């Protein structure tokens, strides 16, 4: 149609050229023009008018059609947010509305295919595509890339308590926290259920672990309102894997990150775990739990669940200090350090519970071993190092105390990687466990033991400094020294020996025996 109008538009210049270049010579100016000449002039004038009209119409329609064609091209290339303005011309306005309707329908279809309808973040297929693209780019340019799997802890119990609509609220809120606290170049998606995935370009595993820890803290700080009840606090466990692009594979990254996340779950939840290939040179074996120890832990755990912290506290309060009696000194040190680090109150409470109950697992260790004043045999030592895992089982059975599990499980890990039960190192050890480790070591050095006298405050501080970086987090040792250089509020010193307020009357010493960790700053 447009082509025909443009061809007809050529009549105008042709008719004008014939009229003024040919006819004037054929018709004398003084003569009366013949009828045929007049008719020819009129015909040429009509043709010129038709040509001009067709030319103008083709220009107007061409401009409008070109505008719509460009809009259609942009929509076809993926610009689904584009909308064309509605023309004042009724016929063209109809086309404009049709183009916009097509764009809206395509956007809705694309959104349904790529976005998780509940959380409004990319779905599994979309995040898989993003991961594939980023792996290809990292391999092509030799750049770092990391992946993090994040899973909401105890999600089933949320649904069991408030029904499934509560789980939907939690999923949306956690997704919002994650989405709004990552970089524009990062990708986030819902992998399925209560599990999310982060794809982090230009990010090595240490940086990814730091980001995952930041997100863990942000999620834990976020109160989630469910109906008229008190706001709910949720936690996440995260697994991180990554590397430098050369021969990186999507399948390996996914498998490693998922394995690390499952390890974070198995190690007590509410923590970040970085994947590492198993090493046969590992100095620390995974400490098994004997059937007797497991049975003891489950029995005590069931009792503790009935009355949670108070009941458990009442069970271990009468015990000697070296058999797991709650230590006020450790609690004061740990919560003061946690407060100085501006941790959220929920995390401080978790550290307080863990600091009081960190040795509760010693209940499952035979008394004969804990009371033995002489050196332990290898078999006896294997029994002693079960107590963090026994404590884990006890608190997992104790319902509301289970948030303290990661701290209790890992409070004997060492910053350099030679601790137990899992040989974690550095930032892989939960922050709360690193804090309790410093407090517990100081407490151990401030009390007499059958094989070693109490060191005193000055010597204990010196020991903490000496083992910073190998046994303890050096930053936390410095924090301890800054806070408690002159002593600890609530405790008094007789000479250089520290005595709690509850000890002042009888001035009794508290016995430490084989359960103290020998060969370390703690003993």
Protein backbone atom coordinates (compact mmCIF):
# COMPACT_ATOMS: atom_id res chain seq x y z
CA UNK A 1 0.00 0.00 0.00
CA UNK A 2 2.71 2.43 0.99
CA UNK A 3 4.72 1.52 -2.09
CA UNK A 4 1.73 2.23 -4.37
CA UNK A 5 1.18 5.62 -2.75
CA UNK A 6 4.83 6.52 -3.22
CA UNK A 7 4.70 5.47 -6.92
CA UNK A 8 1.59 7.61 -7.40
CA UNK A 9 3.41 10.42 -5.65
CA UNK A 10 5.87 10.48 -8.54
CA UNK A 11 3.02 11.75 -10.80
CA UNK A 12 3.26 15.21 -9.31
CA UNK A 13 6.77 16.14 -10.51
CA UNK A 14 6.21 14.40 -13.88
CA UNK A 15 2.95 16.30 -14.53
CA UNK A 16 4.48 19.63 -13.56
CA UNK A 17 7.51 19.02 -15.75
CA UNK A 18 5.35 18.22 -18.82
CA UNK A 19 3.07 21.22 -18.18
CA UNK A 20 5.79 23.85 -17.99
CA UNK A 21 8.52 22.41 -20.20
CA UNK A 22 6.55 21.04 -23.16
CA UNK A 23 3.19 22.80 -23.50
CA UNK A 24 4.39 26.43 -23.55
CA UNK A 25 6.30 25.81 -26.79
CA UNK A 26 3.40 23.92 -28.33
CA UNK A 27 0.81 26.68 -27.67
CA UNK A 28 1.46 30.29 -28.92
CA UNK A 29 0.70 32.89 -26.30
CA UNK A 30 -1.45 35.04 -28.69
CA UNK A 31 -3.52 32.19 -30.04
CA UNK A 32 -6.56 30.63 -28.57
CA UNK A 33 -5.51 27.20 -27.33
CA UNK A 34 -7.26 24.26 -28.89
CA UNK A 35 -9.68 22.23 -26.83
CA UNK A 36 -7.32 19.23 -26.71
CA UNK A 37 -4.51 21.30 -25.22
CA UNK A 38 -6.84 22.64 -22.51
CA UNK A 39 -7.90 19.13 -21.63
CA UNK A 40 -4.27 18.03 -21.46
CA UNK A 41 -3.40 20.89 -19.10
CA UNK A 42 -6.34 20.04 -16.84
CA UNK A 43 -5.36 16.36 -16.87
CA UNK A 44 -1.80 17.18 -15.93
CA UNK A 45 -3.03 19.44 -13.10
CA UNK A 46 -5.23 16.63 -11.74
CA UNK A 47 -2.36 14.17 -11.92
CA UNK A 48 -0.08 16.63 -10.14
CA UNK A 49 -2.68 17.05 -7.37
CA UNK A 50 -3.11 13.30 -7.01
CA UNK A 51 0.63 12.81 -6.89
CA UNK A 52 1.12 15.48 -4.20
CA UNK A 53 -1.71 13.98 -2.14
CA UNK A 54 -0.31 10.45 -2.41
CA UNK A 55 3.15 11.69 -1.50
CA UNK A 56 1.90 13.47 1.61
CA UNK A 57 -0.21 10.48 2.66
CA UNK A 58 2.76 8.11 2.20
CA UNK A 59 4.97 10.37 4.30
CA UNK A 60 2.44 10.56 7.17
CA UNK A 61 1.67 6.84 7.16
CA UNK A 62 5.35 5.98 6.78
CA UNK A 63 6.26 8.02 9.84
CA UNK A 64 3.55 6.39 11.97
CA UNK A 65 4.25 2.87 10.76
CA UNK A 66 7.98 3.36 11.25
CA UNK A 67 7.33 4.41 14.88
CA UNK A 68 5.29 1.27 15.52
CA UNK A 69 7.84 -0.93 13.73
CA UNK A 70 10.68 0.38 15.89
CA UNK A 71 8.60 -0.24 19.01
CA UNK A 72 7.87 -3.80 17.88
CA UNK A 73 11.58 -4.41 17.22
CA UNK A 74 12.51 -3.25 20.74
CA UNK A 75 9.85 -5.49 22.28
CA UNK A 76 11.09 -8.42 20.19
CA UNK A 77 14.63 -7.80 21.53
CA UNK A 78 13.37 -8.10 25.12
CA UNK A 79 12.43 -4.52 26.10
CA UNK A 80 9.15 -5.63 27.65
CA UNK A 81 8.78 -2.44 29.68
CA UNK A 82 8.33 -0.35 26.51
CA UNK A 83 4.91 1.26 25.94
CA UNK A 84 4.05 3.45 22.91
CA UNK A 85 2.04 6.67 23.37
CA UNK A 86 -1.56 6.50 22.13
CA UNK A 87 -2.15 8.53 18.97
CA UNK A 88 -5.06 11.00 18.59
CA UNK A 89 -5.93 9.33 15.29
CA UNK A 90 -8.52 6.64 16.03
CA UNK A 91 -7.18 4.12 13.52
CA UNK A 92 -3.56 4.56 14.59
CA UNK A 93 -4.57 4.58 18.29
CA UNK A 94 -5.99 1.10 17.82
CA UNK A 95 -2.61 -0.11 16.58
CA UNK A 96 -0.87 1.63 19.50
CA UNK A 97 -3.12 -0.13 22.01
CA UNK A 98 -2.55 -3.47 20.29
CA UNK A 99 1.23 -3.05 20.45
CA UNK A 100 1.02 -2.20 24.18
CA UNK A 101 -1.25 -5.17 24.86
CA UNK A 102 1.21 -7.49 23.15
CA UNK A 103 4.08 -6.06 25.23
CA UNK A 104 2.10 -6.51 28.47
CA UNK A 105 1.18 -10.08 27.59
CA UNK A 106 4.77 -10.94 26.71
CA UNK A 107 5.99 -9.34 29.97
CA UNK A 108 3.49 -11.38 31.97
CA UNK A 109 4.49 -14.59 30.19
CA UNK A 110 8.20 -13.86 30.63
CA UNK A 111 7.66 -13.01 34.30
CA UNK A 112 5.76 -16.26 34.90
CA UNK A 113 8.52 -18.24 33.21
CA UNK A 114 11.49 -16.61 34.97
CA UNK A 115 10.27 -15.33 38.36
CA UNK A 116 9.22 -17.19 41.48
CA UNK A 117 5.64 -16.09 42.07
CA UNK A 118 5.88 -16.15 45.88
CA UNK A 119 9.16 -14.34 46.55
CA UNK A 120 9.35 -12.26 43.32
CA UNK A 121 12.98 -13.24 42.72
CA UNK A 122 14.30 -15.34 39.81
CA UNK A 123 13.27 -18.99 39.86
CA UNK A 124 15.52 -22.03 39.64
CA UNK A 125 15.69 -22.18 35.84
CA UNK A 126 16.62 -18.50 35.62
CA UNK A 127 19.34 -18.63 38.29
CA UNK A 128 20.75 -21.75 36.62
CA UNK A 129 21.00 -19.84 33.34
CA UNK A 130 22.71 -16.94 35.13
CA UNK A 131 25.17 -19.33 36.77
CA UNK A 132 25.97 -20.96 33.42
CA UNK A 133 26.66 -17.56 31.85
CA UNK A 134 28.84 -16.40 34.76
CA UNK A 135 30.85 -19.63 34.78
CA UNK A 136 31.49 -19.23 31.04
CA UNK A 137 32.60 -15.63 31.55
CA UNK A 138 34.84 -16.51 34.52
CA UNK A 139 36.49 -19.29 32.52
CA UNK A 140 36.94 -17.08 29.46
CA UNK A 141 38.66 -14.25 31.35
CA UNK A 142 40.18 -16.19 34.27
CA UNK A 143 38.14 -14.32 36.90
CA UNK A 144 36.93 -15.42 40.38
CA UNK A 145 33.37 -16.64 40.90
CA UNK A 146 31.59 -17.92 44.00
CA UNK A 147 28.23 -19.52 44.73
CA UNK A 148 26.37 -19.54 48.06
CA UNK A 149 23.47 -21.78 49.04
CA UNK A 150 21.33 -20.39 51.87
CA UNK A 151 18.67 -22.40 53.68
CA UNK A 152 16.18 -21.23 56.33
CA UNK A 153 16.68 -23.14 59.59
CA UNK A 154 13.81 -25.06 61.22
CA UNK A 155 11.42 -24.03 58.44
CA UNK A 156 9.17 -27.02 58.98
CA UNK A 157 8.57 -26.02 62.60
CA UNK A 158 7.39 -22.58 61.40
CA UNK A 159 4.78 -24.19 59.17
CA UNK A 160 3.83 -26.66 61.90
CA UNK A 161 3.32 -23.82 64.41
CA UNK A 162 1.54 -21.21 62.28
CA UNK A 163 0.47 -23.19 59.19
CA UNK A 164 1.80 -22.70 55.68
CA UNK A 165 0.81 -19.05 55.23
CA UNK A 166 3.39 -18.19 57.90
CA UNK A 167 6.06 -19.98 55.89
CA UNK A 168 5.11 -17.90 52.85
CA UNK A 169 5.53 -14.70 54.89
CA UNK A 170 8.96 -15.83 56.09
CA UNK A 171 10.08 -16.78 52.58
CA UNK A 172 9.05 -13.40 51.16
CA UNK A 173 10.75 -11.49 53.96
CA UNK A 174 14.00 -13.44 53.80
CA UNK A 175 14.06 -13.08 50.00
CA UNK A 176 13.62 -9.31 50.41
CA UNK A 177 16.51 -9.06 52.88
CA UNK A 178 18.79 -11.06 50.59
CA UNK A 179 17.78 -9.22 47.41
CA UNK A 180 18.26 -5.74 48.89
CA UNK A 181 21.70 -6.42 50.39
CA UNK A 182 23.66 -7.72 47.40
CA UNK A 183 25.41 -5.86 44.57
CA UNK A 184 23.80 -5.05 41.26
CA UNK A 185 26.13 -7.53 39.49
CA UNK A 186 25.16 -10.39 41.83
CA UNK A 187 22.36 -12.82 41.05
CA UNK A 188 19.85 -14.27 43.49
CA UNK A 189 17.26 -16.97 42.94
CA UNK A 190 15.00 -19.37 44.77
CA UNK A 191 16.38 -22.88 44.32
CA UNK A 192 13.36 -24.58 45.80
CA UNK A 193 11.49 -24.90 49.10
CA UNK A 194 13.25 -22.73 51.70
CA UNK A 195 16.57 -22.67 49.82
CA UNK A 196 18.09 -19.69 47.99
CA UNK A 197 21.14 -19.35 45.73
CA UNK A 198 23.54 -16.44 45.25
CA UNK A 199 25.80 -16.23 42.20
CA UNK A 200 28.64 -13.81 42.95
CA UNK A 201 30.81 -12.71 40.00
CA UNK A 202 34.27 -11.24 40.67
CA UNK A 203 34.15 -12.66 44.20
CA UNK A 204 36.53 -15.15 45.82
CA UNK A 205 35.40 -17.59 48.51
CA UNK A 206 36.62 -15.45 51.42
CA UNK A 207 34.66 -12.44 50.18
CA UNK A 208 31.64 -14.66 49.53
CA UNK A 209 31.85 -16.09 53.05
CA UNK A 210 31.99 -12.58 54.50
CA UNK A 211 28.91 -11.60 52.48
CA UNK A 212 27.08 -14.77 53.57
CA UNK A 213 27.91 -14.01 57.20
CA UNK A 214 26.63 -10.46 56.78
CA UNK A 215 23.39 -11.78 55.28
CA UNK A 216 23.07 -14.34 58.09
CA UNK A 217 23.27 -11.57 60.67
CA UNK A 218 20.83 -9.35 58.75
CA UNK A 219 18.25 -12.14 58.51
CA UNK A 220 18.61 -12.90 62.21
CA UNK A 221 18.11 -9.21 63.07
CA UNK A 222 14.94 -8.98 60.98
CA UNK A 223 11.76 -9.48 63.08
CA UNK A 224 8.99 -11.05 61.00
CA UNK A 225 5.39 -10.30 61.94
CA UNK A 226 3.01 -13.24 61.67
CA UNK A 227 -0.64 -12.46 62.45
CA UNK A 228 -1.08 -11.04 65.95
CA UNK A 229 1.71 -13.03 67.59
CA UNK A 230 5.10 -11.79 68.69
CA UNK A 231 7.53 -11.16 65.80
CA UNK A 232 9.39 -14.29 64.77
CA UNK A 233 13.18 -14.44 64.37
CA UNK A 234 14.55 -16.86 61.80
CA UNK A 235 18.10 -17.91 60.98
CA UNK A 236 19.80 -19.28 57.90
CA UNK A 237 22.60 -21.74 57.24
CA UNK A 238 24.90 -21.00 54.31
CA UNK A 239 27.37 -22.99 52.25
CA UNK A 240 29.94 -21.27 50.01
CA UNK A 241 32.02 -22.64 47.13
CA UNK A 242 34.00 -21.00 44.37
CA UNK A 243 37.28 -20.61 42.59
CA UNK A 244 39.21 -18.91 39.83
CA UNK A 245 37.88 -19.41 36.33
CA UNK A 246 39.84 -21.73 34.04
CA UNK A 247 38.23 -25.14 34.14
CA UNK A 248 35.32 -24.25 36.45
CA UNK A 249 32.16 -26.35 36.03
CA UNK A 250 28.58 -25.49 36.93
CA UNK A 251 27.89 -28.98 38.31
CA UNK A 252 30.89 -28.86 40.65
CA UNK A 253 30.02 -25.41 42.02
CA UNK A 254 26.43 -26.44 42.73
CA UNK A 255 27.45 -29.72 44.35
CA UNK A 256 30.17 -28.13 46.49
CA UNK A 257 28.02 -25.24 47.68
CA UNK A 258 25.17 -27.61 48.51
CA UNK A 259 27.57 -29.90 50.40
CA UNK A 260 28.90 -26.93 52.38
CA UNK A 261 25.36 -25.83 53.23
CA UNK A 262 24.48 -29.31 54.45
CA UNK A 263 27.66 -29.25 56.55
CA UNK A 264 26.55 -25.95 58.10
CA UNK A 265 23.23 -27.63 58.94
CA UNK A 266 24.93 -30.70 60.36
CA UNK A 267 27.33 -28.62 62.44
CA UNK A 268 24.47 -26.95 64.30
CA UNK A 269 22.79 -24.52 61.84
CA UNK A 270 22.85 -20.69 61.86
CA UNK A 271 26.36 -20.47 60.47
CA UNK A 272 28.40 -20.18 57.26
CA UNK A 273 30.54 -23.07 56.02
CA UNK A 274 33.07 -22.85 53.18
CA UNK A 275 33.59 -25.95 51.05
CA UNK A 276 37.05 -27.51 51.10
CA UNK A 277 38.22 -30.70 49.47
CA UNK A 278 38.81 -33.47 52.05
CA UNK A 279 42.47 -33.78 52.97
CA UNK A 280 44.14 -36.98 54.10
CA UNK A 281 46.62 -34.82 56.02
CA UNK A 282 43.93 -33.45 58.30
CA UNK A 283 45.26 -33.53 61.86
CA UNK A 284 41.86 -33.74 63.53
CA UNK A 285 39.64 -36.82 63.08
CA UNK A 286 35.88 -36.49 63.16
CA UNK A 287 35.23 -37.57 66.74
CA UNK A 288 32.62 -40.35 66.88
CA UNK A 289 30.14 -40.60 69.74
CA UNK A 290 29.95 -43.88 71.60
CA UNK A 291 26.59 -45.56 72.02
CA UNK A 292 26.78 -44.90 75.77
CA UNK A 293 27.52 -41.23 75.24
CA UNK A 294 24.74 -40.88 72.67
CA UNK A 295 22.23 -42.61 74.94
CA UNK A 296 23.19 -40.38 77.84
CA UNK A 297 22.90 -37.26 75.68
CA UNK A 298 19.46 -38.17 74.35
CA UNK A 299 18.15 -38.96 77.82
CA UNK A 300 19.35 -35.69 79.31
CA UNK A 301 18.19 -33.80 76.24
CA UNK A 302 14.65 -35.10 76.62
CA UNK A 303 14.62 -33.98 80.24
CA UNK A 304 16.01 -30.56 79.35
CA UNK A 305 13.40 -29.99 76.66
CA UNK A 306 10.63 -30.00 79.28
CA UNK A 307 11.82 -26.88 81.07
CA UNK A 308 14.49 -25.66 78.61
CA UNK A 309 17.23 -23.50 80.08
CA UNK A 310 15.98 -23.35 83.69
CA UNK A 311 15.64 -27.08 84.06
CA UNK A 312 19.00 -27.74 82.43
CA UNK A 313 20.61 -25.10 84.61
CA UNK A 314 19.17 -26.74 87.71
CA UNK A 315 20.50 -30.13 86.60
CA UNK A 316 24.11 -29.00 86.18
CA UNK A 317 24.29 -26.32 88.90
CA UNK A 318 25.18 -28.81 91.71
CA UNK A 319 28.00 -30.38 89.71
CA UNK A 320 31.66 -29.52 90.30
CA UNK A 321 33.12 -26.82 88.13
CA UNK A 322 35.16 -29.30 86.12
CA UNK A 323 32.08 -31.39 85.26
CA UNK A 324 30.12 -28.68 83.46
CA UNK A 325 28.83 -26.36 86.20
CA UNK A 326 27.64 -23.08 84.63
CA UNK A 327 30.32 -20.40 84.90
CA UNK A 328 29.20 -16.87 85.65
CA UNK A 329 32.68 -15.65 84.77
CA UNK A 330 32.53 -17.10 81.26
CA UNK A 331 29.04 -15.65 80.78
CA UNK A 332 30.14 -12.16 81.85
CA UNK A 333 33.21 -12.20 79.61
CA UNK A 334 31.38 -13.60 76.57
CA UNK A 335 28.32 -11.31 76.76
CA UNK A 336 30.47 -8.22 77.42
CA UNK A 337 32.59 -8.97 74.34
CA UNK A 338 29.48 -9.69 72.26
CA UNK A 339 27.93 -6.39 73.35
CA UNK A 340 31.10 -4.53 72.48
CA UNK A 341 30.87 -6.00 68.96
CA UNK A 342 27.34 -4.51 68.66
CA UNK A 343 25.78 -7.91 68.01
CA UNK A 344 21.97 -8.08 68.03
CA UNK A 345 20.36 -8.95 71.34
CA UNK A 346 19.23 -12.35 70.05
CA UNK A 347 22.85 -13.25 69.27
CA UNK A 348 24.04 -11.99 72.67
CA UNK A 349 21.38 -14.13 74.38
CA UNK A 350 22.48 -17.12 72.34
CA UNK A 351 26.09 -16.56 73.38
CA UNK A 352 25.03 -16.17 77.03
CA UNK A 353 23.18 -19.50 77.00
CA UNK A 354 26.06 -21.21 75.23
CA UNK A 355 28.65 -19.75 77.62
CA UNK A 356 26.71 -21.07 80.62
CA UNK A 357 26.10 -24.49 79.08
CA UNK A 358 29.16 -24.97 76.88
CA UNK A 359 30.41 -27.94 78.91
CA UNK A 360 27.03 -29.56 79.52
CA UNK A 361 28.14 -32.48 77.35
CA UNK A 362 30.54 -33.57 80.10
CA UNK A 363 27.50 -35.11 81.80
CA UNK A 364 27.81 -37.91 79.25
CA UNK A 365 31.49 -38.57 80.11
CA UNK A 366 32.24 -41.19 82.82
CA UNK A 367 33.07 -39.64 86.21
CA UNK A 368 36.14 -41.83 86.55
CA UNK A 369 37.68 -40.12 83.52
CA UNK A 370 36.77 -36.57 84.54
CA UNK A 371 38.01 -37.15 88.11
CA UNK A 372 41.29 -38.76 87.05
CA UNK A 373 44.20 -36.58 88.27
CA UNK A 374 46.78 -38.41 86.15
CA UNK A 375 47.43 -38.32 82.43
CA UNK A 376 44.66 -39.75 80.29
CA UNK A 377 45.09 -42.72 77.99
CA UNK A 378 44.32 -42.37 74.31
CA UNK A 379 40.97 -44.09 74.72
CA UNK A 380 40.06 -41.88 77.69
CA UNK A 381 40.95 -38.75 75.72
CA UNK A 382 38.73 -39.93 72.86
CA UNK A 383 35.93 -40.11 75.41
CA UNK A 384 36.61 -36.57 76.67
CA UNK A 385 36.55 -34.97 73.22
CA UNK A 386 33.03 -36.27 72.68
CA UNK A 387 31.57 -33.67 75.05
CA UNK A 388 30.93 -30.89 72.45
CA UNK A 389 28.93 -33.30 70.29
CA UNK A 390 27.11 -34.72 73.30
CA UNK A 391 26.25 -31.12 74.24
CA UNK A 392 24.96 -30.61 70.71
CA UNK A 393 22.58 -33.54 71.06
CA UNK A 394 21.39 -32.40 74.47
CA UNK A 395 20.52 -28.91 73.33
CA UNK A 396 18.95 -30.07 70.07
CA UNK A 397 16.55 -32.03 72.25
CA UNK A 398 16.01 -28.99 74.49
CA UNK A 399 13.85 -27.07 72.00
CA UNK A 400 14.40 -23.36 72.64
CA UNK A 401 18.07 -23.90 73.50
CA UNK A 402 18.99 -25.33 70.11
CA UNK A 403 20.17 -21.94 68.80
CA UNK A 404 23.18 -22.31 71.10
CA UNK A 405 24.15 -25.60 69.42
CA UNK A 406 26.74 -24.19 66.93
CA UNK A 407 28.60 -22.40 69.73
CA UNK A 408 28.65 -25.40 72.03
CA UNK A 409 29.64 -27.75 69.21
CA UNK A 410 32.57 -25.60 68.08
CA UNK A 411 33.91 -23.97 71.25
CA UNK A 412 36.99 -26.23 71.13
CA UNK A 413 37.81 -25.53 67.49
CA UNK A 414 41.08 -23.61 67.10
CA UNK A 415 41.61 -20.56 64.94
CA UNK A 416 44.54 -22.31 63.23
CA UNK A 417 42.49 -25.42 62.45
CA UNK A 418 43.84 -27.96 64.95
CA UNK A 419 40.84 -28.09 67.31
CA UNK A 420 37.95 -30.51 67.54
CA UNK A 421 35.47 -32.00 66.75
CA UNK A 422 35.68 -30.89 63.08
CA UNK A 423 39.00 -29.08 62.72
CA UNK A 424 37.41 -25.84 61.52
CA UNK A 425 39.69 -22.84 61.12
CA UNK A 426 39.47 -19.05 61.11
CA UNK A 427 36.17 -17.49 60.11
CA UNK A 428 34.64 -20.94 59.51
CA UNK A 429 34.28 -21.18 63.30
CA UNK A 430 31.07 -19.42 64.44
CA UNK A 431 31.75 -16.05 66.05
CA UNK A 432 29.98 -17.05 69.27
CA UNK A 433 32.17 -20.16 69.56
CA UNK A 434 35.32 -18.06 69.11
CA UNK A 435 34.16 -15.70 71.87
CA UNK A 436 33.33 -18.52 74.29
CA UNK A 437 36.72 -20.15 73.54
CA UNK A 438 38.55 -17.05 74.81
CA UNK A 439 36.32 -16.76 77.88
CA UNK A 440 36.57 -20.48 78.67
CA UNK A 441 40.35 -20.51 78.38
CA UNK A 442 40.66 -17.52 80.71
CA UNK A 443 38.31 -19.17 83.21
CA UNK A 444 40.34 -22.39 83.09
CA UNK A 445 43.61 -20.55 83.75
CA UNK A 446 42.12 -18.69 86.71
CA UNK A 447 41.38 -21.89 88.68
CA UNK A 448 43.61 -24.54 90.23
CA UNK A 449 43.85 -27.95 88.62
CA UNK A 450 45.32 -31.19 90.01
CA UNK A 451 48.24 -30.97 87.61
CA UNK A 452 48.65 -27.20 87.44
CA UNK A 453 48.02 -24.25 89.72
CA UNK A 454 45.98 -21.25 88.66
CA UNK A 455 48.05 -18.82 86.61
CA UNK A 456 46.61 -15.54 87.81
CA UNK A 457 45.13 -12.69 85.78
CA UNK A 458 48.34 -11.21 84.35
CA UNK A 459 49.75 -14.57 83.30
CA UNK A 460 46.40 -15.69 81.88
CA UNK A 461 46.18 -12.58 79.71
CA UNK A 462 49.74 -13.19 78.56
CA UNK A 463 48.83 -16.78 77.59
CA UNK A 464 45.85 -15.58 75.59
CA UNK A 465 48.08 -13.18 73.68
CA UNK A 466 50.69 -15.91 73.12
CA UNK A 467 48.15 -18.27 71.55
CA UNK A 468 46.33 -15.61 69.48
CA UNK A 469 46.22 -16.65 65.85
CA UNK A 470 46.78 -20.34 66.54
CA UNK A 471 44.23 -21.20 69.22
CA UNK A 472 42.19 -18.00 69.46
CA UNK A 473 40.85 -15.33 67.13
CA UNK A 474 43.50 -12.56 67.48
CA UNK A 475 40.93 -9.79 67.10
CA UNK A 476 38.87 -11.23 69.96
CA UNK A 477 41.95 -11.61 72.17
CA UNK A 478 42.70 -7.93 71.62
CA UNK A 479 39.09 -7.08 72.44
CA UNK A 480 39.28 -9.15 75.64
CA UNK A 481 42.49 -7.40 76.69
CA UNK A 482 41.00 -3.97 75.99
CA UNK A 483 37.89 -4.73 78.04
CA UNK A 484 39.39 -6.67 80.95
CA UNK A 485 42.96 -5.47 81.31
CA UNK A 486 42.29 -4.54 84.96
CA UNK A 487 39.97 -7.39 85.82
CA UNK A 488 36.32 -8.33 85.48
CA UNK A 489 33.38 -6.61 87.17
CA UNK A 490 31.57 -8.83 89.66
CA UNK A 491 34.73 -10.78 90.59
CA UNK A 492 37.42 -9.88 93.10
CA UNK A 493 41.08 -10.73 93.24
CA UNK A 494 43.00 -12.18 96.19
CA UNK A 495 46.53 -11.35 95.14
CA UNK A 496 46.41 -12.19 91.44
CA UNK A 497 43.78 -14.91 91.91
CA UNK A 498 40.20 -14.26 90.88
CA UNK A 499 37.32 -15.19 93.21
CA UNK A 500 33.64 -14.85 92.33
CA UNK A 501 31.13 -13.19 94.62
CA UNK A 502 29.68 -16.61 95.51
CA UNK A 503 33.16 -17.77 96.67
CA UNK A 504 34.11 -14.85 98.90
CA UNK A 505 32.69 -16.26 102.12
CA UNK A 506 34.55 -19.57 102.17
CA UNK A 507 37.31 -18.56 99.78
CA UNK A 508 37.15 -22.04 98.29
CA UNK A 509 39.07 -23.04 95.19
CA UNK A 510 37.34 -24.78 92.31
CA UNK A 511 38.94 -28.01 91.14
CA UNK A 512 39.87 -28.54 87.51
CA UNK A 513 40.84 -32.01 86.42
CA UNK A 514 41.46 -34.07 83.33
CA UNK A 515 38.49 -32.54 81.51
CA UNK A 516 40.52 -29.36 81.02
CA UNK A 517 42.11 -29.34 77.58
CA UNK A 518 45.79 -30.10 78.19
CA UNK A 519 48.47 -28.79 75.95
CA UNK A 520 46.64 -25.51 75.23
CA UNK A 521 46.29 -22.09 76.82
CA UNK A 522 43.29 -23.52 78.65
CA UNK A 523 45.45 -26.14 80.33
